[in-house]
mmCIF file of all heavy atoms, coordinates in Angstrom:
data_MODEL
# 
_entry.id   MODEL 
# 
loop_
_atom_site.group_PDB 
_atom_site.id 
_atom_site.type_symbol 
_atom_site.label_atom_id 
_atom_site.label_alt_id 
_atom_site.label_comp_id 
_atom_site.label_asym_id 
_atom_site.label_entity_id 
_atom_site.label_seq_id 
_atom_site.pdbx_PDB_ins_code 
_atom_site.Cartn_x 
_atom_site.Cartn_y 
_atom_site.Cartn_z 
_atom_site.occupancy 
_atom_site.B_iso_or_equiv 
_atom_site.pdbx_formal_charge 
_atom_site.auth_seq_id 
_atom_site.auth_comp_id 
_atom_site.auth_asym_id 
_atom_site.auth_atom_id 
_atom_site.pdbx_PDB_model_num 
ATOM 1   N N   . SER A 1 1  ? -7.903  2.639  4.085   1.00 0.00 ? 1  SER A N   1 
ATOM 2   C CA  . SER A 1 1  ? -9.310  2.828  3.744   1.00 0.00 ? 1  SER A CA  1 
ATOM 3   C C   . SER A 1 1  ? -9.681  1.918  2.584   1.00 0.00 ? 1  SER A C   1 
ATOM 4   O O   . SER A 1 1  ? -8.818  1.353  1.897   1.00 0.00 ? 1  SER A O   1 
ATOM 5   C CB  . SER A 1 1  ? -9.564  4.285  3.359   1.00 0.00 ? 1  SER A CB  1 
ATOM 6   O OG  . SER A 1 1  ? -8.845  4.615  2.178   1.00 0.00 ? 1  SER A OG  1 
ATOM 7   N N   . ALA A 1 2  ? -10.964 1.772  2.358   1.00 0.00 ? 2  ALA A N   1 
ATOM 8   C CA  . ALA A 1 2  ? -11.440 0.932  1.255   1.00 0.00 ? 2  ALA A CA  1 
ATOM 9   C C   . ALA A 1 2  ? -10.957 1.483  -0.085  1.00 0.00 ? 2  ALA A C   1 
ATOM 10  O O   . ALA A 1 2  ? -10.637 0.715  -1.008  1.00 0.00 ? 2  ALA A O   1 
ATOM 11  C CB  . ALA A 1 2  ? -12.963 0.852  1.278   1.00 0.00 ? 2  ALA A CB  1 
ATOM 12  N N   . GLU A 1 3  ? -10.884 2.811  -0.200  1.00 0.00 ? 3  GLU A N   1 
ATOM 13  C CA  . GLU A 1 3  ? -10.409 3.425  -1.439  1.00 0.00 ? 3  GLU A CA  1 
ATOM 14  C C   . GLU A 1 3  ? -8.934  3.104  -1.675  1.00 0.00 ? 3  GLU A C   1 
ATOM 15  O O   . GLU A 1 3  ? -8.521  2.816  -2.809  1.00 0.00 ? 3  GLU A O   1 
ATOM 16  C CB  . GLU A 1 3  ? -10.610 4.942  -1.396  1.00 0.00 ? 3  GLU A CB  1 
ATOM 17  C CG  . GLU A 1 3  ? -12.067 5.391  -1.445  1.00 0.00 ? 3  GLU A CG  1 
ATOM 18  C CD  . GLU A 1 3  ? -12.764 5.193  -0.096  1.00 0.00 ? 3  GLU A CD  1 
ATOM 19  O OE1 . GLU A 1 3  ? -12.073 4.917  0.918   1.00 0.00 ? 3  GLU A OE1 1 
ATOM 20  O OE2 . GLU A 1 3  ? -14.013 5.308  -0.066  1.00 0.00 ? 3  GLU A OE2 1 
ATOM 21  N N   . GLN A 1 4  ? -8.128  3.134  -0.605  1.00 0.00 ? 4  GLN A N   1 
ATOM 22  C CA  . GLN A 1 4  ? -6.718  2.807  -0.749  1.00 0.00 ? 4  GLN A CA  1 
ATOM 23  C C   . GLN A 1 4  ? -6.514  1.352  -1.147  1.00 0.00 ? 4  GLN A C   1 
ATOM 24  O O   . GLN A 1 4  ? -5.713  1.042  -2.033  1.00 0.00 ? 4  GLN A O   1 
ATOM 25  C CB  . GLN A 1 4  ? -5.982  3.090  0.570   1.00 0.00 ? 4  GLN A CB  1 
ATOM 26  C CG  . GLN A 1 4  ? -5.764  4.554  0.877   1.00 0.00 ? 4  GLN A CG  1 
ATOM 27  C CD  . GLN A 1 4  ? -5.103  4.746  2.221   1.00 0.00 ? 4  GLN A CD  1 
ATOM 28  O OE1 . GLN A 1 4  ? -5.622  4.302  3.252   1.00 0.00 ? 4  GLN A OE1 1 
ATOM 29  N NE2 . GLN A 1 4  ? -3.964  5.413  2.224   1.00 0.00 ? 4  GLN A NE2 1 
ATOM 30  N N   . VAL A 1 5  ? -7.247  0.468  -0.498  1.00 0.00 ? 5  VAL A N   1 
ATOM 31  C CA  . VAL A 1 5  ? -7.135  -0.958 -0.818  1.00 0.00 ? 5  VAL A CA  1 
ATOM 32  C C   . VAL A 1 5  ? -7.517  -1.207 -2.272  1.00 0.00 ? 5  VAL A C   1 
ATOM 33  O O   . VAL A 1 5  ? -6.850  -1.981 -2.986  1.00 0.00 ? 5  VAL A O   1 
ATOM 34  C CB  . VAL A 1 5  ? -8.018  -1.793 0.127   1.00 0.00 ? 5  VAL A CB  1 
ATOM 35  C CG1 . VAL A 1 5  ? -8.038  -3.255 -0.320  1.00 0.00 ? 5  VAL A CG1 1 
ATOM 36  C CG2 . VAL A 1 5  ? -7.528  -1.677 1.553   1.00 0.00 ? 5  VAL A CG2 1 
ATOM 37  N N   . ASP A 1 6  ? -8.570  -0.557 -2.725  1.00 0.00 ? 6  ASP A N   1 
ATOM 38  C CA  . ASP A 1 6  ? -9.005  -0.716 -4.113  1.00 0.00 ? 6  ASP A CA  1 
ATOM 39  C C   . ASP A 1 6  ? -7.946  -0.178 -5.075  1.00 0.00 ? 6  ASP A C   1 
ATOM 40  O O   . ASP A 1 6  ? -7.688  -0.786 -6.120  1.00 0.00 ? 6  ASP A O   1 
ATOM 41  C CB  . ASP A 1 6  ? -10.332 0.013  -4.320  1.00 0.00 ? 6  ASP A CB  1 
ATOM 42  C CG  . ASP A 1 6  ? -10.837 -0.112 -5.754  1.00 0.00 ? 6  ASP A CG  1 
ATOM 43  O OD1 . ASP A 1 6  ? -11.172 -1.233 -6.174  1.00 0.00 ? 6  ASP A OD1 1 
ATOM 44  O OD2 . ASP A 1 6  ? -10.867 0.917  -6.458  1.00 0.00 ? 6  ASP A OD2 1 
ATOM 45  N N   . TRP A 1 7  ? -7.329  0.953  -4.703  1.00 0.00 ? 7  TRP A N   1 
ATOM 46  C CA  . TRP A 1 7  ? -6.292  1.535  -5.573  1.00 0.00 ? 7  TRP A CA  1 
ATOM 47  C C   . TRP A 1 7  ? -5.068  0.632  -5.621  1.00 0.00 ? 7  TRP A C   1 
ATOM 48  O O   . TRP A 1 7  ? -4.487  0.427  -6.693  1.00 0.00 ? 7  TRP A O   1 
ATOM 49  C CB  . TRP A 1 7  ? -5.913  2.919  -5.061  1.00 0.00 ? 7  TRP A CB  1 
ATOM 50  C CG  . TRP A 1 7  ? -4.952  3.629  -5.978  1.00 0.00 ? 7  TRP A CG  1 
ATOM 51  C CD1 . TRP A 1 7  ? -5.267  4.291  -7.136  1.00 0.00 ? 7  TRP A CD1 1 
ATOM 52  C CD2 . TRP A 1 7  ? -3.540  3.738  -5.820  1.00 0.00 ? 7  TRP A CD2 1 
ATOM 53  N NE1 . TRP A 1 7  ? -4.117  4.800  -7.708  1.00 0.00 ? 7  TRP A NE1 1 
ATOM 54  C CE2 . TRP A 1 7  ? -3.054  4.485  -6.916  1.00 0.00 ? 7  TRP A CE2 1 
ATOM 55  C CE3 . TRP A 1 7  ? -2.642  3.301  -4.850  1.00 0.00 ? 7  TRP A CE3 1 
ATOM 56  C CZ2 . TRP A 1 7  ? -1.702  4.789  -7.074  1.00 0.00 ? 7  TRP A CZ2 1 
ATOM 57  C CZ3 . TRP A 1 7  ? -1.295  3.589  -5.005  1.00 0.00 ? 7  TRP A CZ3 1 
ATOM 58  C CH2 . TRP A 1 7  ? -0.834  4.332  -6.101  1.00 0.00 ? 7  TRP A CH2 1 
ATOM 59  N N   . PHE A 1 8  ? -4.664  0.074  -4.483  1.00 0.00 ? 8  PHE A N   1 
ATOM 60  C CA  . PHE A 1 8  ? -3.524  -0.852 -4.454  1.00 0.00 ? 8  PHE A CA  1 
ATOM 61  C C   . PHE A 1 8  ? -3.795  -2.068 -5.341  1.00 0.00 ? 8  PHE A C   1 
ATOM 62  O O   . PHE A 1 8  ? -2.905  -2.539 -6.052  1.00 0.00 ? 8  PHE A O   1 
ATOM 63  C CB  . PHE A 1 8  ? -3.252  -1.330 -3.022  1.00 0.00 ? 8  PHE A CB  1 
ATOM 64  C CG  . PHE A 1 8  ? -2.759  -0.268 -2.095  1.00 0.00 ? 8  PHE A CG  1 
ATOM 65  C CD1 . PHE A 1 8  ? -3.041  -0.331 -0.721  1.00 0.00 ? 8  PHE A CD1 1 
ATOM 66  C CD2 . PHE A 1 8  ? -2.019  0.807  -2.565  1.00 0.00 ? 8  PHE A CD2 1 
ATOM 67  C CE1 . PHE A 1 8  ? -2.586  0.643  0.139   1.00 0.00 ? 8  PHE A CE1 1 
ATOM 68  C CE2 . PHE A 1 8  ? -1.559  1.801  -1.695  1.00 0.00 ? 8  PHE A CE2 1 
ATOM 69  C CZ  . PHE A 1 8  ? -1.854  1.719  -0.344  1.00 0.00 ? 8  PHE A CZ  1 
ATOM 70  N N   . ALA A 1 9  ? -5.010  -2.564 -5.296  1.00 0.00 ? 9  ALA A N   1 
ATOM 71  C CA  . ALA A 1 9  ? -5.359  -3.763 -6.067  1.00 0.00 ? 9  ALA A CA  1 
ATOM 72  C C   . ALA A 1 9  ? -5.292  -3.505 -7.562  1.00 0.00 ? 9  ALA A C   1 
ATOM 73  O O   . ALA A 1 9  ? -5.063  -4.448 -8.349  1.00 0.00 ? 9  ALA A O   1 
ATOM 74  C CB  . ALA A 1 9  ? -6.754  -4.239 -5.681  1.00 0.00 ? 9  ALA A CB  1 
ATOM 75  N N   . ARG A 1 10 ? -5.488  -2.255 -7.974  1.00 0.00 ? 10 ARG A N   1 
ATOM 76  C CA  . ARG A 1 10 ? -5.483  -1.928 -9.400  1.00 0.00 ? 10 ARG A CA  1 
ATOM 77  C C   . ARG A 1 10 ? -4.090  -1.628 -9.939  1.00 0.00 ? 10 ARG A C   1 
ATOM 78  O O   . ARG A 1 10 ? -3.918  -1.449 -11.146 1.00 0.00 ? 10 ARG A O   1 
ATOM 79  C CB  . ARG A 1 10 ? -6.411  -0.742 -9.663  1.00 0.00 ? 10 ARG A CB  1 
ATOM 80  C CG  . ARG A 1 10 ? -7.884  -1.103 -9.557  1.00 0.00 ? 10 ARG A CG  1 
ATOM 81  C CD  . ARG A 1 10 ? -8.798  0.040  -9.957  1.00 0.00 ? 10 ARG A CD  1 
ATOM 82  N NE  . ARG A 1 10 ? -8.961  1.045  -8.902  1.00 0.00 ? 10 ARG A NE  1 
ATOM 83  C CZ  . ARG A 1 10 ? -8.402  2.245  -8.912  1.00 0.00 ? 10 ARG A CZ  1 
ATOM 84  N NH1 . ARG A 1 10 ? -7.628  2.617  -9.917  1.00 0.00 ? 10 ARG A NH1 1 
ATOM 85  N NH2 . ARG A 1 10 ? -8.606  3.092  -7.912  1.00 0.00 ? 10 ARG A NH2 1 
ATOM 86  N N   . GLN A 1 11 ? -3.101  -1.592 -9.062  1.00 0.00 ? 11 GLN A N   1 
ATOM 87  C CA  . GLN A 1 11 ? -1.734  -1.311 -9.496  1.00 0.00 ? 11 GLN A CA  1 
ATOM 88  C C   . GLN A 1 11 ? -1.080  -2.573 -10.050 1.00 0.00 ? 11 GLN A C   1 
ATOM 89  O O   . GLN A 1 11 ? -1.350  -3.680 -9.587  1.00 0.00 ? 11 GLN A O   1 
ATOM 90  C CB  . GLN A 1 11 ? -0.909  -0.762 -8.341  1.00 0.00 ? 11 GLN A CB  1 
ATOM 91  C CG  . GLN A 1 11 ? -1.458  0.506  -7.726  1.00 0.00 ? 11 GLN A CG  1 
ATOM 92  C CD  . GLN A 1 11 ? -1.740  1.573  -8.774  1.00 0.00 ? 11 GLN A CD  1 
ATOM 93  O OE1 . GLN A 1 11 ? -0.858  1.968  -9.534  1.00 0.00 ? 11 GLN A OE1 1 
ATOM 94  N NE2 . GLN A 1 11 ? -2.983  2.040  -8.811  1.00 0.00 ? 11 GLN A NE2 1 
ATOM 95  N N   . PRO A 1 12 ? -0.215  -2.409 -11.068 1.00 0.00 ? 12 PRO A N   1 
ATOM 96  C CA  . PRO A 1 12 ? 0.422   -3.597 -11.665 1.00 0.00 ? 12 PRO A CA  1 
ATOM 97  C C   . PRO A 1 12 ? 1.451   -4.254 -10.753 1.00 0.00 ? 12 PRO A C   1 
ATOM 98  O O   . PRO A 1 12 ? 1.768   -5.425 -10.930 1.00 0.00 ? 12 PRO A O   1 
ATOM 99  C CB  . PRO A 1 12 ? 1.090   -3.031 -12.926 1.00 0.00 ? 12 PRO A CB  1 
ATOM 100 C CG  . PRO A 1 12 ? 1.317   -1.577 -12.611 1.00 0.00 ? 12 PRO A CG  1 
ATOM 101 C CD  . PRO A 1 12 ? 0.163   -1.168 -11.753 1.00 0.00 ? 12 PRO A CD  1 
ATOM 102 N N   . PHE A 1 13 ? 1.962   -3.503 -9.774  1.00 0.00 ? 13 PHE A N   1 
ATOM 103 C CA  . PHE A 1 13 ? 2.962   -4.044 -8.863  1.00 0.00 ? 13 PHE A CA  1 
ATOM 104 C C   . PHE A 1 13 ? 2.573   -3.710 -7.422  1.00 0.00 ? 13 PHE A C   1 
ATOM 105 O O   . PHE A 1 13 ? 1.815   -2.775 -7.169  1.00 0.00 ? 13 PHE A O   1 
ATOM 106 C CB  . PHE A 1 13 ? 4.354   -3.455 -9.160  1.00 0.00 ? 13 PHE A CB  1 
ATOM 107 C CG  . PHE A 1 13 ? 4.755   -3.579 -10.604 1.00 0.00 ? 13 PHE A CG  1 
ATOM 108 C CD1 . PHE A 1 13 ? 4.781   -2.456 -11.424 1.00 0.00 ? 13 PHE A CD1 1 
ATOM 109 C CD2 . PHE A 1 13 ? 5.081   -4.811 -11.149 1.00 0.00 ? 13 PHE A CD2 1 
ATOM 110 C CE1 . PHE A 1 13 ? 5.143   -2.558 -12.756 1.00 0.00 ? 13 PHE A CE1 1 
ATOM 111 C CE2 . PHE A 1 13 ? 5.444   -4.928 -12.477 1.00 0.00 ? 13 PHE A CE2 1 
ATOM 112 C CZ  . PHE A 1 13 ? 5.474   -3.792 -13.282 1.00 0.00 ? 13 PHE A CZ  1 
ATOM 113 N N   . ALA A 1 14 ? 3.150   -4.465 -6.490  1.00 0.00 ? 14 ALA A N   1 
ATOM 114 C CA  . ALA A 1 14 ? 2.830   -4.283 -5.073  1.00 0.00 ? 14 ALA A CA  1 
ATOM 115 C C   . ALA A 1 14 ? 3.651   -3.184 -4.419  1.00 0.00 ? 14 ALA A C   1 
ATOM 116 O O   . ALA A 1 14 ? 3.500   -2.936 -3.220  1.00 0.00 ? 14 ALA A O   1 
ATOM 117 C CB  . ALA A 1 14 ? 3.038   -5.591 -4.322  1.00 0.00 ? 14 ALA A CB  1 
ATOM 118 N N   . ALA A 1 15 ? 4.512   -2.517 -5.184  1.00 0.00 ? 15 ALA A N   1 
ATOM 119 C CA  . ALA A 1 15 ? 5.405   -1.509 -4.620  1.00 0.00 ? 15 ALA A CA  1 
ATOM 120 C C   . ALA A 1 15 ? 4.641   -0.395 -3.920  1.00 0.00 ? 15 ALA A C   1 
ATOM 121 O O   . ALA A 1 15 ? 5.052   0.078  -2.845  1.00 0.00 ? 15 ALA A O   1 
ATOM 122 C CB  . ALA A 1 15 ? 6.300   -0.937 -5.713  1.00 0.00 ? 15 ALA A CB  1 
ATOM 123 N N   . ALA A 1 16 ? 3.552   0.045  -4.511  1.00 0.00 ? 16 ALA A N   1 
ATOM 124 C CA  . ALA A 1 16 ? 2.792   1.152  -3.927  1.00 0.00 ? 16 ALA A CA  1 
ATOM 125 C C   . ALA A 1 16 ? 2.279   0.789  -2.541  1.00 0.00 ? 16 ALA A C   1 
ATOM 126 O O   . ALA A 1 16 ? 2.381   1.582  -1.589  1.00 0.00 ? 16 ALA A O   1 
ATOM 127 C CB  . ALA A 1 16 ? 1.632   1.530  -4.847  1.00 0.00 ? 16 ALA A CB  1 
ATOM 128 N N   . SER A 1 17 ? 1.733   -0.397 -2.388  1.00 0.00 ? 17 SER A N   1 
ATOM 129 C CA  . SER A 1 17 ? 1.214   -0.796 -1.079  1.00 0.00 ? 17 SER A CA  1 
ATOM 130 C C   . SER A 1 17 ? 2.344   -0.995 -0.070  1.00 0.00 ? 17 SER A C   1 
ATOM 131 O O   . SER A 1 17 ? 2.180   -0.690 1.115   1.00 0.00 ? 17 SER A O   1 
ATOM 132 C CB  . SER A 1 17 ? 0.398   -2.080 -1.210  1.00 0.00 ? 17 SER A CB  1 
ATOM 133 O OG  . SER A 1 17 ? 1.209   -3.163 -1.623  1.00 0.00 ? 17 SER A OG  1 
ATOM 134 N N   . GLN A 1 18 ? 3.489   -1.490 -0.518  1.00 0.00 ? 18 GLN A N   1 
ATOM 135 C CA  . GLN A 1 18 ? 4.603   -1.701 0.392   1.00 0.00 ? 18 GLN A CA  1 
ATOM 136 C C   . GLN A 1 18 ? 5.171   -0.386 0.917   1.00 0.00 ? 18 GLN A C   1 
ATOM 137 O O   . GLN A 1 18 ? 5.573   -0.292 2.084   1.00 0.00 ? 18 GLN A O   1 
ATOM 138 C CB  . GLN A 1 18 ? 5.704   -2.498 -0.308  1.00 0.00 ? 18 GLN A CB  1 
ATOM 139 C CG  . GLN A 1 18 ? 5.348   -3.950 -0.561  1.00 0.00 ? 18 GLN A CG  1 
ATOM 140 C CD  . GLN A 1 18 ? 5.035   -4.699 0.722   1.00 0.00 ? 18 GLN A CD  1 
ATOM 141 O OE1 . GLN A 1 18 ? 5.916   -4.950 1.536   1.00 0.00 ? 18 GLN A OE1 1 
ATOM 142 N NE2 . GLN A 1 18 ? 3.768   -5.051 0.913   1.00 0.00 ? 18 GLN A NE2 1 
ATOM 143 N N   . LEU A 1 19 ? 5.190   0.638  0.092   1.00 0.00 ? 19 LEU A N   1 
ATOM 144 C CA  . LEU A 1 19 ? 5.632   1.952  0.551   1.00 0.00 ? 19 LEU A CA  1 
ATOM 145 C C   . LEU A 1 19 ? 4.649   2.529  1.562   1.00 0.00 ? 19 LEU A C   1 
ATOM 146 O O   . LEU A 1 19 ? 5.053   3.157  2.548   1.00 0.00 ? 19 LEU A O   1 
ATOM 147 C CB  . LEU A 1 19 ? 5.792   2.893  -0.643  1.00 0.00 ? 19 LEU A CB  1 
ATOM 148 C CG  . LEU A 1 19 ? 6.906   2.529  -1.628  1.00 0.00 ? 19 LEU A CG  1 
ATOM 149 C CD1 . LEU A 1 19 ? 6.908   3.486  -2.812  1.00 0.00 ? 19 LEU A CD1 1 
ATOM 150 C CD2 . LEU A 1 19 ? 8.269   2.556  -0.940  1.00 0.00 ? 19 LEU A CD2 1 
ATOM 151 N N   . ALA A 1 20 ? 3.376   2.294  1.342   1.00 0.00 ? 20 ALA A N   1 
ATOM 152 C CA  . ALA A 1 20 ? 2.366   2.758  2.296   1.00 0.00 ? 20 ALA A CA  1 
ATOM 153 C C   . ALA A 1 20 ? 2.467   2.002  3.606   1.00 0.00 ? 20 ALA A C   1 
ATOM 154 O O   . ALA A 1 20 ? 2.280   2.566  4.689   1.00 0.00 ? 20 ALA A O   1 
ATOM 155 C CB  . ALA A 1 20 ? 0.972   2.603  1.689   1.00 0.00 ? 20 ALA A CB  1 
ATOM 156 N N   . VAL A 1 21 ? 2.759   0.700  3.528   1.00 0.00 ? 21 VAL A N   1 
ATOM 157 C CA  . VAL A 1 21 ? 2.956   -0.107 4.741   1.00 0.00 ? 21 VAL A CA  1 
ATOM 158 C C   . VAL A 1 21 ? 4.155   0.409  5.522   1.00 0.00 ? 21 VAL A C   1 
ATOM 159 O O   . VAL A 1 21 ? 4.116   0.501  6.762   1.00 0.00 ? 21 VAL A O   1 
ATOM 160 C CB  . VAL A 1 21 ? 3.149   -1.593 4.374   1.00 0.00 ? 21 VAL A CB  1 
ATOM 161 C CG1 . VAL A 1 21 ? 3.604   -2.389 5.584   1.00 0.00 ? 21 VAL A CG1 1 
ATOM 162 C CG2 . VAL A 1 21 ? 1.853   -2.166 3.829   1.00 0.00 ? 21 VAL A CG2 1 
ATOM 163 N N   . TYR A 1 22 ? 5.211   0.772  4.816   1.00 0.00 ? 22 TYR A N   1 
ATOM 164 C CA  . TYR A 1 22 ? 6.401   1.314  5.497   1.00 0.00 ? 22 TYR A CA  1 
ATOM 165 C C   . TYR A 1 22 ? 6.069   2.607  6.228   1.00 0.00 ? 22 TYR A C   1 
ATOM 166 O O   . TYR A 1 22 ? 6.513   2.819  7.372   1.00 0.00 ? 22 TYR A O   1 
ATOM 167 C CB  . TYR A 1 22 ? 7.512   1.562  4.479   1.00 0.00 ? 22 TYR A CB  1 
ATOM 168 C CG  . TYR A 1 22 ? 8.692   2.297  5.066   1.00 0.00 ? 22 TYR A CG  1 
ATOM 169 C CD1 . TYR A 1 22 ? 9.631   1.635  5.864   1.00 0.00 ? 22 TYR A CD1 1 
ATOM 170 C CD2 . TYR A 1 22 ? 8.866   3.669  4.844   1.00 0.00 ? 22 TYR A CD2 1 
ATOM 171 C CE1 . TYR A 1 22 ? 10.707  2.307  6.415   1.00 0.00 ? 22 TYR A CE1 1 
ATOM 172 C CE2 . TYR A 1 22 ? 9.936   4.348  5.391   1.00 0.00 ? 22 TYR A CE2 1 
ATOM 173 C CZ  . TYR A 1 22 ? 10.854  3.664  6.180   1.00 0.00 ? 22 TYR A CZ  1 
ATOM 174 O OH  . TYR A 1 22 ? 11.917  4.338  6.734   1.00 0.00 ? 22 TYR A OH  1 
ATOM 175 N N   . LEU A 1 23 ? 5.302   3.478  5.584   1.00 0.00 ? 23 LEU A N   1 
ATOM 176 C CA  . LEU A 1 23 ? 4.928   4.738  6.238   1.00 0.00 ? 23 LEU A CA  1 
ATOM 177 C C   . LEU A 1 23 ? 4.081   4.476  7.473   1.00 0.00 ? 23 LEU A C   1 
ATOM 178 O O   . LEU A 1 23 ? 4.223   5.156  8.492   1.00 0.00 ? 23 LEU A O   1 
ATOM 179 C CB  . LEU A 1 23 ? 4.163   5.625  5.246   1.00 0.00 ? 23 LEU A CB  1 
ATOM 180 C CG  . LEU A 1 23 ? 3.747   7.005  5.769   1.00 0.00 ? 23 LEU A CG  1 
ATOM 181 C CD1 . LEU A 1 23 ? 4.982   7.847  6.094   1.00 0.00 ? 23 LEU A CD1 1 
ATOM 182 C CD2 . LEU A 1 23 ? 2.872   7.716  4.743   1.00 0.00 ? 23 LEU A CD2 1 
ATOM 183 N N   . ALA A 1 24 ? 3.223   3.475  7.416   1.00 0.00 ? 24 ALA A N   1 
ATOM 184 C CA  . ALA A 1 24 ? 2.333   3.165  8.537   1.00 0.00 ? 24 ALA A CA  1 
ATOM 185 C C   . ALA A 1 24 ? 3.074   2.480  9.684   1.00 0.00 ? 24 ALA A C   1 
ATOM 186 O O   . ALA A 1 24 ? 2.750   2.703  10.853  1.00 0.00 ? 24 ALA A O   1 
ATOM 187 C CB  . ALA A 1 24 ? 1.177   2.279  8.061   1.00 0.00 ? 24 ALA A CB  1 
ATOM 188 N N   . ASN A 1 25 ? 4.045   1.650  9.374   1.00 0.00 ? 25 ASN A N   1 
ATOM 189 C CA  . ASN A 1 25 ? 4.773   0.908  10.414  1.00 0.00 ? 25 ASN A CA  1 
ATOM 190 C C   . ASN A 1 25 ? 6.230   0.735  9.980   1.00 0.00 ? 25 ASN A C   1 
ATOM 191 O O   . ASN A 1 25 ? 6.652   -0.362 9.579   1.00 0.00 ? 25 ASN A O   1 
ATOM 192 C CB  . ASN A 1 25 ? 4.116   -0.454 10.646  1.00 0.00 ? 25 ASN A CB  1 
ATOM 193 C CG  . ASN A 1 25 ? 4.494   -1.046 11.992  1.00 0.00 ? 25 ASN A CG  1 
ATOM 194 O OD1 . ASN A 1 25 ? 5.559   -0.742 12.537  1.00 0.00 ? 25 ASN A OD1 1 
ATOM 195 N ND2 . ASN A 1 25 ? 3.636   -1.895 12.535  1.00 0.00 ? 25 ASN A ND2 1 
ATOM 196 N N   . PRO A 1 26 ? 7.032   1.805  10.056  1.00 0.00 ? 26 PRO A N   1 
ATOM 197 C CA  . PRO A 1 26 ? 8.406   1.741  9.540   1.00 0.00 ? 26 PRO A CA  1 
ATOM 198 C C   . PRO A 1 26 ? 9.309   0.771  10.296  1.00 0.00 ? 26 PRO A C   1 
ATOM 199 O O   . PRO A 1 26 ? 10.145  0.101  9.682   1.00 0.00 ? 26 PRO A O   1 
ATOM 200 C CB  . PRO A 1 26 ? 8.899   3.187  9.672   1.00 0.00 ? 26 PRO A CB  1 
ATOM 201 C CG  . PRO A 1 26 ? 8.029   3.803  10.727  1.00 0.00 ? 26 PRO A CG  1 
ATOM 202 C CD  . PRO A 1 26 ? 6.695   3.141  10.566  1.00 0.00 ? 26 PRO A CD  1 
ATOM 203 N N   . ALA A 1 27 ? 9.162   0.676  11.607  1.00 0.00 ? 27 ALA A N   1 
ATOM 204 C CA  . ALA A 1 27 ? 10.061  -0.184 12.391  1.00 0.00 ? 27 ALA A CA  1 
ATOM 205 C C   . ALA A 1 27 ? 9.862   -1.659 12.044  1.00 0.00 ? 27 ALA A C   1 
ATOM 206 O O   . ALA A 1 27 ? 10.826  -2.386 11.795  1.00 0.00 ? 27 ALA A O   1 
ATOM 207 C CB  . ALA A 1 27 ? 9.830   0.045  13.884  1.00 0.00 ? 27 ALA A CB  1 
ATOM 208 N N   . LEU A 1 28 ? 8.603   -2.099 12.025  1.00 0.00 ? 28 LEU A N   1 
ATOM 209 C CA  . LEU A 1 28 ? 8.325   -3.507 11.739  1.00 0.00 ? 28 LEU A CA  1 
ATOM 210 C C   . LEU A 1 28 ? 8.656   -3.852 10.291  1.00 0.00 ? 28 LEU A C   1 
ATOM 211 O O   . LEU A 1 28 ? 9.181   -4.931 10.002  1.00 0.00 ? 28 LEU A O   1 
ATOM 212 C CB  . LEU A 1 28 ? 6.857   -3.811 12.030  1.00 0.00 ? 28 LEU A CB  1 
ATOM 213 C CG  . LEU A 1 28 ? 6.446   -5.289 12.039  1.00 0.00 ? 28 LEU A CG  1 
ATOM 214 C CD1 . LEU A 1 28 ? 7.267   -6.069 13.056  1.00 0.00 ? 28 LEU A CD1 1 
ATOM 215 C CD2 . LEU A 1 28 ? 4.950   -5.417 12.358  1.00 0.00 ? 28 LEU A CD2 1 
# 
């Protein structure tokens, strides 16, 4: 969502978004 993307952008590291990506598509 737009709120999630905005929250990821405000984080100092990309780890948060990468964990969310894993939950969304663990195999890939």
